[in-house]
Amino acid sequence: MFLLETNNGETSNQYLTALKDVWRNQSATVYGYSYKATEMISPHPASSYAALMMFAQIVNESYLQDTSGKYLARSFLNKTFHLNTGDIRIDEHGDRIPAVALRQMDHSTSMYQDVISQDAMTFELSQLSSIS
C-alpha cells in the first residue's frame, strides 16, 4: 500500500513543535478544549501563522517602496519564504509548491515509511529506501 503525502518532514522542526505546545496550552486555557495526548492538532493555526509571517516579510521588504496592493500581491510570486516553521515556496501563479513524499506501508509495523521524496525547492527526487 502506498501513500502520496505533501509537506513531509516539516513536523520534526523544533520551532513548530514548540508552537504546537503553545497552541495546545492556549486551546485548553483560553478556549476550554483539551487535546488528547494522541490527537493531532488542527493544521489551521500553523497555516494561519505561516500566512501572517509571509505577509510580515513582504511588508518589511516593501517598506518605503511601492505599497499598492498590486505590488504587494506580485511580491509573493516566485518566492521562497524561509520561516521558523519551515520553507514555503510560492510559484509564478501564487500556488504553494509543497515537498512531496511517496510512502509505503511496512507490513511488519503497520506504519508508513518514506521511500521517495521530492524537494520543494529543487524538485529533485531522492530514493530513500527500496520499494517492495
Protein backbone atom coordinates (compact mmCIF):
# COMPACT_ATOMS: atom_id res chain seq x y z
CA MET A 1 0.00 0.00 0.00
CA PHE A 2 1.33 3.43 -0.97
CA LEU A 3 0.50 6.94 0.19
CA LEU A 4 1.43 10.17 -1.60
CA GLU A 5 1.86 12.87 1.01
CA THR A 6 2.78 16.56 0.93
CA ASN A 7 4.91 18.52 3.40
CA ASN A 8 6.85 15.54 4.65
CA GLY A 9 9.44 16.24 7.33
CA GLU A 10 8.18 19.67 8.39
CA THR A 11 6.61 18.34 11.57
CA SER A 12 10.04 17.48 13.01
CA ASN A 13 11.01 21.15 13.18
CA GLN A 14 11.76 22.08 16.83
CA TYR A 15 10.20 25.54 16.50
CA LEU A 16 7.00 24.05 15.08
CA THR A 17 6.92 21.51 17.90
CA ALA A 18 7.20 24.33 20.44
CA LEU A 19 4.38 26.22 18.70
CA LYS A 20 2.18 23.13 18.89
CA ASP A 21 2.79 23.01 22.64
CA VAL A 22 1.74 26.67 22.90
CA TRP A 23 -1.39 26.00 20.80
CA ARG A 24 -2.30 23.00 22.97
CA ASN A 25 -1.94 25.12 26.12
CA GLN A 26 -3.86 28.10 24.66
CA SER A 27 -6.62 25.81 23.45
CA ALA A 28 -7.07 24.41 26.95
CA THR A 29 -6.76 27.63 28.94
CA VAL A 30 -8.42 30.14 26.61
CA TYR A 31 -10.96 28.06 24.71
CA GLY A 32 -11.63 25.24 27.17
CA TYR A 33 -10.69 22.49 24.73
CA SER A 34 -8.01 19.99 25.71
CA TYR A 35 -6.41 17.87 23.02
CA LYS A 36 -5.96 14.19 23.82
CA ALA A 37 -2.32 13.04 24.00
CA THR A 38 -2.60 11.21 20.67
CA GLU A 39 -4.87 13.76 18.97
CA MET A 40 -3.45 15.66 16.01
CA ILE A 41 -3.57 19.43 16.23
CA SER A 42 -5.60 21.15 13.53
CA PRO A 43 -3.38 22.43 10.69
CA HIS A 44 -5.24 25.76 10.70
CA PRO A 45 -3.18 27.51 13.43
CA ALA A 46 0.09 26.61 11.67
CA SER A 47 -1.26 27.73 8.29
CA SER A 48 -2.53 30.99 9.74
CA TYR A 49 0.78 31.60 11.49
CA ALA A 50 2.74 30.93 8.27
CA ALA A 51 0.47 33.24 6.23
CA LEU A 52 0.88 36.03 8.74
CA MET A 53 4.68 35.60 8.81
CA MET A 54 4.82 35.61 4.99
CA PHE A 55 2.77 38.81 4.87
CA ALA A 56 5.00 40.42 7.51
CA GLN A 57 8.09 39.51 5.50
CA ILE A 58 6.62 41.11 2.33
CA VAL A 59 5.62 44.26 4.23
CA ASN A 60 9.10 44.54 5.75
CA GLU A 61 10.75 44.10 2.34
CA SER A 62 8.50 46.72 0.71
CA TYR A 63 8.92 49.31 3.46
CA LEU A 64 9.35 52.76 1.84
CA GLN A 65 8.66 51.29 -1.61
CA ASP A 66 5.51 50.98 -3.66
CA THR A 67 2.86 49.76 -1.23
CA SER A 68 0.00 49.37 -3.67
CA GLY A 69 -1.99 46.16 -3.43
CA LYS A 70 -0.83 45.14 -6.90
CA TYR A 71 2.83 45.49 -5.90
CA LEU A 72 2.31 43.61 -2.64
CA ALA A 73 0.46 40.79 -4.43
CA ARG A 74 3.25 40.43 -7.02
CA SER A 75 5.81 40.31 -4.21
CA PHE A 76 4.51 36.88 -3.16
CA LEU A 77 5.09 35.31 -6.59
CA ASN A 78 8.16 33.20 -7.44
CA LYS A 79 9.38 33.46 -3.88
CA THR A 80 10.62 31.13 -1.20
CA PHE A 81 9.80 32.18 2.33
CA HIS A 82 12.25 30.95 4.95
CA LEU A 83 10.15 30.78 8.11
CA ASN A 84 10.86 29.38 11.56
CA THR A 85 8.40 26.59 10.84
CA GLY A 86 9.98 25.62 7.50
CA ASP A 87 10.39 26.88 3.96
CA ILE A 88 7.35 27.74 1.83
CA ARG A 89 7.71 28.13 -1.92
CA ILE A 90 5.16 30.08 -4.00
CA ASP A 91 5.23 29.76 -7.80
CA GLU A 92 4.52 32.34 -10.51
CA HIS A 93 0.76 31.70 -10.24
CA GLY A 94 0.60 32.12 -6.47
CA ASP A 95 0.33 28.39 -5.76
CA ARG A 96 2.27 26.80 -2.94
CA ILE A 97 4.71 24.11 -4.04
CA PRO A 98 4.91 21.57 -1.23
CA ALA A 99 7.50 18.91 -0.59
CA VAL A 100 6.13 15.53 -1.66
CA ALA A 101 6.84 12.02 -0.39
CA LEU A 102 5.79 8.61 -1.60
CA ARG A 103 5.26 6.46 1.47
CA GLN A 104 4.95 2.68 1.60
CA MET A 105 3.27 0.59 4.28
CA ASP A 106 5.71 -1.52 6.28
CA HIS A 107 3.55 -4.57 6.94
CA SER A 108 5.63 -5.69 9.92
CA THR A 109 4.99 -2.43 11.84
CA SER A 110 1.81 -1.21 10.09
CA MET A 111 3.50 2.19 9.72
CA TYR A 112 4.17 4.19 6.56
CA GLN A 113 7.81 4.87 5.66
CA ASP A 114 9.12 7.37 3.10
CA VAL A 115 10.55 5.61 0.04
CA ILE A 116 10.83 8.56 -2.39
CA SER A 117 10.82 12.28 -1.66
CA GLN A 118 10.77 15.37 -3.84
CA ASP A 119 12.39 18.56 -2.60
CA ALA A 120 10.07 21.57 -2.99
CA MET A 121 12.96 23.94 -3.69
CA THR A 122 14.89 21.92 -6.30
CA PHE A 123 12.22 19.42 -7.47
CA GLU A 124 14.86 16.68 -7.14
CA LEU A 125 13.65 13.17 -6.38
CA SER A 126 15.52 11.10 -3.80
CA GLN A 127 15.01 7.41 -3.26
CA LEU A 128 15.23 6.83 0.50
CA SER A 129 14.65 3.09 0.58
CA SER A 130 13.72 0.27 -1.76
CA ILE A 131 10.17 -0.14 -2.99
CA SER A 132 8.76 -3.60 -2.47
